[in-house]
Amino acid sequence: MARDIKEILEGTDPAKVAEFTAKAAGAADAAAIKALAGEYGVELADDEAAGAFAEFQKRAQEEIAIDELDNVAGGFCDDPCVTYHC
């Protein structure tokens, strides 16, 4: 059974994971992800690379919820005095 991307990168430096993820999101195919993983010292089987590629493609097509955008744009605060500067 193939490992998923979370299992593959578990225990890796978070900065390296972010760097890898940013690069992998733009990969053209599973072979590119496999080669990229090799650059980071992670060996992927063909089915693992294909699964990671499919996951990155799926994420690229998903819409981001408004709540997620609010959190990214500066955090969430439900205190009306802070939100509306009372």
PDB file of N, CA and C in Angstrom:
ATOM      1  N   MET A   1       0.838  -1.180   0.000  1.00  0.00           N
ATOM      2  CA  MET A   1       0.000   0.000   0.000  1.00  0.00           C
ATOM      3  C   MET A   1       0.892   1.255   0.000  1.00  0.00           C
ATOM      4  N   ALA A   2       0.583   2.172  -0.861  1.00  0.00           N
ATOM      5  CA  ALA A   2       1.382   3.387  -1.002  1.00  0.00           C
ATOM      6  C   ALA A   2       1.133   4.344   0.158  1.00  0.00           C
ATOM      7  N   ARG A   3       2.180   5.032   0.549  1.00  0.00           N
ATOM      8  CA  ARG A   3       2.053   6.053   1.591  1.00  0.00           C
ATOM      9  C   ARG A   3       1.467   7.311   0.969  1.00  0.00           C
ATOM     10  N   ASP A   4       0.719   8.073   1.774  1.00  0.00           N
ATOM     11  CA  ASP A   4       0.237   9.358   1.258  1.00  0.00           C
ATOM     12  C   ASP A   4       1.286  10.425   1.553  1.00  0.00           C
ATOM     13  N   ILE A   5       1.088  11.603   1.006  1.00  0.00           N
ATOM     14  CA  ILE A   5       2.093  12.667   1.091  1.00  0.00           C
ATOM     15  C   ILE A   5       2.406  13.065   2.532  1.00  0.00           C
ATOM     16  N   LYS A   6       1.404  13.017   3.416  1.00  0.00           N
ATOM     17  CA  LYS A   6       1.638  13.369   4.826  1.00  0.00           C
ATOM     18  C   LYS A   6       2.577  12.367   5.487  1.00  0.00           C
ATOM     19  N   GLU A   7       2.368  11.085   5.195  1.00  0.00           N
ATOM     20  CA  GLU A   7       3.250  10.055   5.756  1.00  0.00           C
ATOM     21  C   GLU A   7       4.666  10.184   5.208  1.00  0.00           C
ATOM     22  N   ILE A   8       4.762  10.505   3.929  1.00  0.00           N
ATOM     23  CA  ILE A   8       6.056  10.607   3.277  1.00  0.00           C
ATOM     24  C   ILE A   8       6.896  11.728   3.901  1.00  0.00           C
ATOM     25  N   LEU A   9       6.261  12.847   4.183  1.00  0.00           N
ATOM     26  CA  LEU A   9       6.991  14.023   4.672  1.00  0.00           C
ATOM     27  C   LEU A   9       7.024  14.141   6.192  1.00  0.00           C
ATOM     28  N   GLU A  10       6.423  13.192   6.884  1.00  0.00           N
ATOM     29  CA  GLU A  10       6.383  13.232   8.347  1.00  0.00           C
ATOM     30  C   GLU A  10       7.797  13.261   8.922  1.00  0.00           C
ATOM     31  N   GLY A  11       8.026  14.164   9.861  1.00  0.00           N
ATOM     32  CA  GLY A  11       9.317  14.278  10.513  1.00  0.00           C
ATOM     33  C   GLY A  11      10.316  15.144   9.761  1.00  0.00           C
ATOM     34  N   THR A  12       9.911  15.667   8.607  1.00  0.00           N
ATOM     35  CA  THR A  12      10.786  16.525   7.818  1.00  0.00           C
ATOM     36  C   THR A  12      10.689  17.956   8.330  1.00  0.00           C
ATOM     37  N   ASP A  13      11.757  18.703   8.195  1.00  0.00           N
ATOM     38  CA  ASP A  13      11.794  20.103   8.600  1.00  0.00           C
ATOM     39  C   ASP A  13      10.634  20.862   7.937  1.00  0.00           C
ATOM     40  N   PRO A  14       9.805  21.556   8.715  1.00  0.00           N
ATOM     41  CA  PRO A  14       8.649  22.266   8.158  1.00  0.00           C
ATOM     42  C   PRO A  14       9.003  23.255   7.051  1.00  0.00           C
ATOM     43  N   ALA A  15      10.144  23.898   7.138  1.00  0.00           N
ATOM     44  CA  ALA A  15      10.549  24.828   6.085  1.00  0.00           C
ATOM     45  C   ALA A  15      10.796  24.079   4.776  1.00  0.00           C
ATOM     46  N   LYS A  16      11.398  22.906   4.879  1.00  0.00           N
ATOM     47  CA  LYS A  16      11.646  22.086   3.688  1.00  0.00           C
ATOM     48  C   LYS A  16      10.339  21.550   3.118  1.00  0.00           C
ATOM     49  N   VAL A  17       9.405  21.202   3.999  1.00  0.00           N
ATOM     50  CA  VAL A  17       8.091  20.727   3.538  1.00  0.00           C
ATOM     51  C   VAL A  17       7.384  21.836   2.766  1.00  0.00           C
ATOM     52  N   ALA A  18       7.424  23.054   3.290  1.00  0.00           N
ATOM     53  CA  ALA A  18       6.778  24.180   2.611  1.00  0.00           C
ATOM     54  C   ALA A  18       7.436  24.446   1.262  1.00  0.00           C
ATOM     55  N   GLU A  19       8.748  24.374   1.229  1.00  0.00           N
ATOM     56  CA  GLU A  19       9.490  24.586  -0.016  1.00  0.00           C
ATOM     57  C   GLU A  19       9.153  23.498  -1.033  1.00  0.00           C
ATOM     58  N   PHE A  20       9.160  22.244  -0.580  1.00  0.00           N
ATOM     59  CA  PHE A  20       8.824  21.123  -1.449  1.00  0.00           C
ATOM     60  C   PHE A  20       7.394  21.250  -1.973  1.00  0.00           C
ATOM     61  N   THR A  21       6.471  21.571  -1.075  1.00  0.00           N
ATOM     62  CA  THR A  21       5.063  21.680  -1.454  1.00  0.00           C
ATOM     63  C   THR A  21       4.855  22.762  -2.504  1.00  0.00           C
ATOM     64  N   ALA A  22       5.502  23.894  -2.325  1.00  0.00           N
ATOM     65  CA  ALA A  22       5.368  24.986  -3.292  1.00  0.00           C
ATOM     66  C   ALA A  22       5.876  24.563  -4.661  1.00  0.00           C
ATOM     67  N   LYS A  23       6.990  23.873  -4.685  1.00  0.00           N
ATOM     68  CA  LYS A  23       7.547  23.415  -5.960  1.00  0.00           C
ATOM     69  C   LYS A  23       6.712  22.293  -6.562  1.00  0.00           C
ATOM     70  N   ALA A  24       6.264  21.359  -5.725  1.00  0.00           N
ATOM     71  CA  ALA A  24       5.503  20.209  -6.212  1.00  0.00           C
ATOM     72  C   ALA A  24       4.139  20.613  -6.756  1.00  0.00           C
ATOM     73  N   ALA A  25       3.575  21.678  -6.214  1.00  0.00           N
ATOM     74  CA  ALA A  25       2.260  22.135  -6.683  1.00  0.00           C
ATOM     75  C   ALA A  25       2.310  22.553  -8.153  1.00  0.00           C
ATOM     76  N   GLY A  26       3.470  22.950  -8.624  1.00  0.00           N
ATOM     77  CA  GLY A  26       3.610  23.355 -10.015  1.00  0.00           C
ATOM     78  C   GLY A  26       4.185  22.266 -10.908  1.00  0.00           C
ATOM     79  N   ALA A  27       4.318  21.060 -10.388  1.00  0.00           N
ATOM     80  CA  ALA A  27       4.905  19.965 -11.162  1.00  0.00           C
ATOM     81  C   ALA A  27       4.005  19.572 -12.332  1.00  0.00           C
ATOM     82  N   ALA A  28       4.631  19.226 -13.434  1.00  0.00           N
ATOM     83  CA  ALA A  28       3.890  18.870 -14.644  1.00  0.00           C
ATOM     84  C   ALA A  28       3.331  17.455 -14.600  1.00  0.00           C
ATOM     85  N   ASP A  29       3.995  16.579 -13.874  1.00  0.00           N
ATOM     86  CA  ASP A  29       3.533  15.191 -13.820  1.00  0.00           C
ATOM     87  C   ASP A  29       4.138  14.481 -12.607  1.00  0.00           C
ATOM     88  N   ALA A  30       3.763  13.210 -12.439  1.00  0.00           N
ATOM     89  CA  ALA A  30       4.237  12.428 -11.293  1.00  0.00           C
ATOM     90  C   ALA A  30       5.750  12.234 -11.332  1.00  0.00           C
ATOM     91  N   ALA A  31       6.317  12.105 -12.526  1.00  0.00           N
ATOM     92  CA  ALA A  31       7.769  11.933 -12.645  1.00  0.00           C
ATOM     93  C   ALA A  31       8.502  13.161 -12.110  1.00  0.00           C
ATOM     94  N   ALA A  32       7.950  14.339 -12.337  1.00  0.00           N
ATOM     95  CA  ALA A  32       8.568  15.565 -11.828  1.00  0.00           C
ATOM     96  C   ALA A  32       8.529  15.595 -10.306  1.00  0.00           C
ATOM     97  N   ILE A  33       7.435  15.133  -9.721  1.00  0.00           N
ATOM     98  CA  ILE A  33       7.337  15.082  -8.256  1.00  0.00           C
ATOM     99  C   ILE A  33       8.332  14.064  -7.701  1.00  0.00           C
ATOM    100  N   LYS A  34       8.462  12.941  -8.374  1.00  0.00           N
ATOM    101  CA  LYS A  34       9.413  11.918  -7.925  1.00  0.00           C
ATOM    102  C   LYS A  34      10.837  12.465  -7.969  1.00  0.00           C
ATOM    103  N   ALA A  35      11.180  13.169  -9.028  1.00  0.00           N
ATOM    104  CA  ALA A  35      12.519  13.764  -9.148  1.00  0.00           C
ATOM    105  C   ALA A  35      12.733  14.839  -8.089  1.00  0.00           C
ATOM    106  N   LEU A  36      11.724  15.665  -7.866  1.00  0.00           N
ATOM    107  CA  LEU A  36      11.814  16.717  -6.856  1.00  0.00           C
ATOM    108  C   LEU A  36      11.999  16.119  -5.463  1.00  0.00           C
ATOM    109  N   ALA A  37      11.250  15.074  -5.167  1.00  0.00           N
ATOM    110  CA  ALA A  37      11.382  14.412  -3.862  1.00  0.00           C
ATOM    111  C   ALA A  37      12.798  13.884  -3.680  1.00  0.00           C
ATOM    112  N   GLY A  38      13.376  13.350  -4.744  1.00  0.00           N
ATOM    113  CA  GLY A  38      14.750  12.861  -4.680  1.00  0.00           C
ATOM    114  C   GLY A  38      15.735  13.958  -4.312  1.00  0.00           C
ATOM    115  N   GLU A  39      15.478  15.176  -4.800  1.00  0.00           N
ATOM    116  CA  GLU A  39      16.331  16.315  -4.458  1.00  0.00           C
ATOM    117  C   GLU A  39      16.279  16.624  -2.964  1.00  0.00           C
ATOM    118  N   TYR A  40      15.167  16.260  -2.326  1.00  0.00           N
ATOM    119  CA  TYR A  40      14.994  16.495  -0.890  1.00  0.00           C
ATOM    120  C   TYR A  40      15.334  15.252  -0.070  1.00  0.00           C
ATOM    121  N   GLY A  41      15.896  14.257  -0.720  1.00  0.00           N
ATOM    122  CA  GLY A  41      16.308  13.049  -0.010  1.00  0.00           C
ATOM    123  C   GLY A  41      15.184  12.091   0.303  1.00  0.00           C
ATOM    124  N   VAL A  42      14.061  12.210  -0.407  1.00  0.00           N
ATOM    125  CA  VAL A  42      12.918  11.335  -0.181  1.00  0.00           C
ATOM    126  C   VAL A  42      12.732  10.466  -1.420  1.00  0.00           C
ATOM    127  N   GLU A  43      12.783   9.159  -1.221  1.00  0.00           N
ATOM    128  CA  GLU A  43      12.577   8.231  -2.329  1.00  0.00           C
ATOM    129  C   GLU A  43      11.094   7.883  -2.421  1.00  0.00           C
ATOM    130  N   LEU A  44      10.516   8.081  -3.597  1.00  0.00           N
ATOM    131  CA  LEU A  44       9.112   7.763  -3.824  1.00  0.00           C
ATOM    132  C   LEU A  44       8.982   6.627  -4.824  1.00  0.00           C
ATOM    133  N   ALA A  45       8.058   5.724  -4.551  1.00  0.00           N
ATOM    134  CA  ALA A  45       7.699   4.713  -5.539  1.00  0.00           C
ATOM    135  C   ALA A  45       6.841   5.404  -6.598  1.00  0.00           C
ATOM    136  N   ASP A  46       6.719   4.787  -7.757  1.00  0.00           N
ATOM    137  CA  ASP A  46       5.928   5.385  -8.835  1.00  0.00           C
ATOM    138  C   ASP A  46       4.488   5.651  -8.403  1.00  0.00           C
ATOM    139  N   ASP A  47       3.897   4.701  -7.670  1.00  0.00           N
ATOM    140  CA  ASP A  47       2.499   4.897  -7.243  1.00  0.00           C
ATOM    141  C   ASP A  47       2.381   6.004  -6.196  1.00  0.00           C
ATOM    142  N   GLU A  48       3.405   6.182  -5.366  1.00  0.00           N
ATOM    143  CA  GLU A  48       3.398   7.274  -4.394  1.00  0.00           C
ATOM    144  C   GLU A  48       3.506   8.627  -5.093  1.00  0.00           C
ATOM    145  N   ALA A  49       4.370   8.705  -6.095  1.00  0.00           N
ATOM    146  CA  ALA A  49       4.512   9.942  -6.857  1.00  0.00           C
ATOM    147  C   ALA A  49       3.204  10.266  -7.587  1.00  0.00           C
ATOM    148  N   ALA A  50       2.575   9.257  -8.137  1.00  0.00           N
ATOM    149  CA  ALA A  50       1.306   9.461  -8.828  1.00  0.00           C
ATOM    150  C   ALA A  50       0.228   9.931  -7.856  1.00  0.00           C
ATOM    151  N   GLY A  51       0.203   9.348  -6.666  1.00  0.00           N
ATOM    152  CA  GLY A  51      -0.761   9.760  -5.651  1.00  0.00           C
ATOM    153  C   GLY A  51      -0.521  11.189  -5.187  1.00  0.00           C
ATOM    154  N   ALA A  52       0.749  11.547  -5.002  1.00  0.00           N
ATOM    155  CA  ALA A  52       1.084  12.913  -4.594  1.00  0.00           C
ATOM    156  C   ALA A  52       0.702  13.901  -5.687  1.00  0.00           C
ATOM    157  N   PHE A  53       0.976  13.543  -6.935  1.00  0.00           N
ATOM    158  CA  PHE A  53       0.614  14.413  -8.054  1.00  0.00           C
ATOM    159  C   PHE A  53      -0.899  14.617  -8.103  1.00  0.00           C
ATOM    160  N   ALA A  54      -1.652  13.539  -7.935  1.00  0.00           N
ATOM    161  CA  ALA A  54      -3.116  13.635  -7.938  1.00  0.00           C
ATOM    162  C   ALA A  54      -3.607  14.523  -6.801  1.00  0.00           C
ATOM    163  N   GLU A  55      -2.990  14.407  -5.628  1.00  0.00           N
ATOM    164  CA  GLU A  55      -3.379  15.227  -4.479  1.00  0.00           C
ATOM    165  C   GLU A  55      -3.094  16.705  -4.740  1.00  0.00           C
ATOM    166  N   PHE A  56      -1.930  17.000  -5.304  1.00  0.00           N
ATOM    167  CA  PHE A  56      -1.605  18.397  -5.608  1.00  0.00           C
ATOM    168  C   PHE A  56      -2.545  18.961  -6.671  1.00  0.00           C
ATOM    169  N   GLN A  57      -2.909  18.158  -7.641  1.00  0.00           N
ATOM    170  CA  GLN A  57      -3.847  18.605  -8.676  1.00  0.00           C
ATOM    171  C   GLN A  57      -5.225  18.866  -8.075  1.00  0.00           C
ATOM    172  N   LYS A  58      -5.641  17.989  -7.175  1.00  0.00           N
ATOM    173  CA  LYS A  58      -6.939  18.150  -6.506  1.00  0.00           C
ATOM    174  C   LYS A  58      -6.966  19.438  -5.684  1.00  0.00           C
ATOM    175  N   ARG A  59      -5.897  19.678  -4.936  1.00  0.00           N
ATOM    176  CA  ARG A  59      -5.826  20.883  -4.098  1.00  0.00           C
ATOM    177  C   ARG A  59      -5.819  22.151  -4.944  1.00  0.00           C
ATOM    178  N   ALA A  60      -5.183  22.085  -6.093  1.00  0.00           N
ATOM    179  CA  ALA A  60      -5.104  23.257  -6.971  1.00  0.00           C
ATOM    180  C   ALA A  60      -6.469  23.640  -7.523  1.00  0.00           C
ATOM    181  N   GLN A  61      -7.378  22.677  -7.589  1.00  0.00           N
ATOM    182  CA  GLN A  61      -8.694  22.927  -8.161  1.00  0.00           C
ATOM    183  C   GLN A  61      -9.753  23.250  -7.107  1.00  0.00           C
ATOM    184  N   GLU A  62      -9.422  23.102  -5.831  1.00  0.00           N
ATOM    185  CA  GLU A  62     -10.387  23.361  -4.764  1.00  0.00           C
ATOM    186  C   GLU A  62     -10.523  24.857  -4.507  1.00  0.00           C
ATOM    187  N   GLU A  63     -11.709  25.250  -4.155  1.00  0.00           N
ATOM    188  CA  GLU A  63     -11.926  26.637  -3.752  1.00  0.00           C
ATOM    189  C   GLU A  63     -11.603  26.781  -2.274  1.00  0.00           C
ATOM    190  N   ILE A  64     -11.143  27.947  -1.905  1.00  0.00           N
ATOM    191  CA  ILE A  64     -10.838  28.217  -0.502  1.00  0.00           C
ATOM    192  C   ILE A  64     -12.063  28.860   0.133  1.00  0.00           C
ATOM    193  N   ALA A  65     -12.445  28.352   1.287  1.00  0.00           N
ATOM    194  CA  ALA A  65     -13.603  28.877   1.994  1.00  0.00           C
ATOM    195  C   ALA A  65     -13.318  30.283   2.510  1.00  0.00           C
ATOM    196  N   ILE A  66     -14.352  31.085   2.642  1.00  0.00           N
ATOM    197  CA  ILE A  66     -14.228  32.460   3.131  1.00  0.00           C
ATOM    198  C   ILE A  66     -13.561  32.482   4.507  1.00  0.00           C
ATOM    199  N   ASP A  67     -13.928  31.554   5.379  1.00  0.00           N
ATOM    200  CA  ASP A  67     -13.314  31.505   6.708  1.00  0.00           C
ATOM    201  C   ASP A  67     -11.809  31.276   6.615  1.00  0.00           C
ATOM    202  N   GLU A  68     -11.384  30.418   5.689  1.00  0.00           N
ATOM    203  CA  GLU A  68      -9.957  30.178   5.521  1.00  0.00           C
ATOM    204  C   GLU A  68      -9.261  31.431   5.018  1.00  0.00           C
ATOM    205  N   LEU A  69      -9.889  32.135   4.099  1.00  0.00           N
ATOM    206  CA  LEU A  69      -9.312  33.376   3.590  1.00  0.00           C
ATOM    207  C   LEU A  69      -9.192  34.419   4.696  1.00  0.00           C
ATOM    208  N   ASP A  70     -10.205  34.518   5.549  1.00  0.00           N
ATOM    209  CA  ASP A  70     -10.149  35.454   6.675  1.00  0.00           C
ATOM    210  C   ASP A  70      -8.956  35.141   7.571  1.00  0.00           C
ATOM    211  N   ASN A  71      -8.735  33.870   7.847  1.00  0.00           N
ATOM    212  CA  ASN A  71      -7.626  33.477   8.709  1.00  0.00           C
ATOM    213  C   ASN A  71      -6.284  33.793   8.069  1.00  0.00           C
ATOM    214  N   VAL A  72      -6.164  33.593   6.783  1.00  0.00           N
ATOM    215  CA  VAL A  72      -4.921  33.881   6.079  1.00  0.00           C
ATOM    216  C   VAL A  72      -4.680  35.384   5.996  1.00  0.00           C
ATOM    217  N   ALA A  73      -5.745  36.145   5.850  1.00  0.00           N
ATOM    218  CA  ALA A  73      -5.622  37.583   5.643  1.00  0.00           C
ATOM    219  C   ALA A  73      -5.318  38.353   6.923  1.00  0.00           C
ATOM    220  N   GLY A  74      -5.120  37.700   8.014  1.00  0.00           N
ATOM    221  CA  GLY A  74      -4.761  38.438   9.215  1.00  0.00           C
ATOM    222  C   GLY A  74      -5.368  37.855  10.466  1.00  0.00           C
ATOM    223  N   GLY A  75      -5.919  36.703  10.355  1.00  0.00           N
ATOM    224  CA  GLY A  75      -6.484  36.059  11.526  1.00  0.00           C
ATOM    225  C   GLY A  75      -7.948  36.346  11.696  1.00  0.00           C
ATOM    226  N   PHE A  76      -8.542  35.652  12.608  1.00  0.00           N
ATOM    227  CA  PHE A  76      -9.965  35.776  12.857  1.00  0.00           C
ATOM    228  C   PHE A  76     -10.177  36.340  14.250  1.00  0.00           C
ATOM    229  N   CYS A  77     -11.030  37.313  14.332  1.00  0.00           N
ATOM    230  CA  CYS A  77     -11.396  37.878  15.622  1.00  0.00           C
ATOM    231  C   CYS A  77     -12.892  38.149  15.585  1.00  0.00           C
ATOM    232  N   ASP A  78     -13.625  37.579  16.528  1.00  0.00           N
ATOM    233  CA  ASP A  78     -15.068  37.799  16.526  1.00  0.00           C
ATOM    234  C   ASP A  78     -15.502  38.871  17.527  1.00  0.00           C
ATOM    235  N   ASP A  79     -14.549  39.637  18.040  1.00  0.00           N
ATOM    236  CA  ASP A  79     -14.872  40.739  18.932  1.00  0.00           C
ATOM    237  C   ASP A  79     -15.280  41.938  18.077  1.00  0.00           C
ATOM    238  N   PRO A  80     -16.547  42.358  18.146  1.00  0.00           N
ATOM    239  CA  PRO A  80     -17.005  43.451  17.279  1.00  0.00           C
ATOM    240  C   PRO A  80     -16.258  44.760  17.511  1.00  0.00           C
ATOM    241  N   CYS A  81     -15.778  45.000  18.710  1.00  0.00           N
ATOM    242  CA  CYS A  81     -15.049  46.242  18.963  1.00  0.00           C
ATOM    243  C   CYS A  81     -13.699  46.261  18.232  1.00  0.00           C
ATOM    244  N   VAL A  82     -13.094  45.091  18.106  1.00  0.00           N
ATOM    245  CA  VAL A  82     -11.835  45.007  17.375  1.00  0.00           C
ATOM    246  C   VAL A  82     -12.110  45.060  15.884  1.00  0.00           C
ATOM    247  N   THR A  83     -13.119  44.299  15.457  1.00  0.00           N
ATOM    248  CA  THR A  83     -13.439  44.237  14.030  1.00  0.00           C
ATOM    249  C   THR A  83     -13.884  45.574  13.476  1.00  0.00           C
ATOM    250  N   TYR A  84     -14.721  46.266  14.222  1.00  0.00           N
ATOM    251  CA  TYR A  84     -15.281  47.530  13.731  1.00  0.00           C
ATOM    252  C   TYR A  84     -14.657  48.762  14.406  1.00  0.00           C
ATOM    253  N   HIS A  85     -13.619  48.575  15.178  1.00  0.00           N
ATOM    254  CA  HIS A  85     -12.886  49.670  15.839  1.00  0.00           C
ATOM    255  C   HIS A  85     -13.816  50.583  16.635  1.00  0.00           C
ATOM    256  N   CYS A  86     -14.580  50.017  17.556  1.00  0.00           N
ATOM    257  CA  CYS A  86     -15.528  50.770  18.384  1.00  0.00           C
ATOM    258  C   CYS A  86     -14.821  51.771  19.274  1.00  0.00           C
TER     259      CYS A  86
END
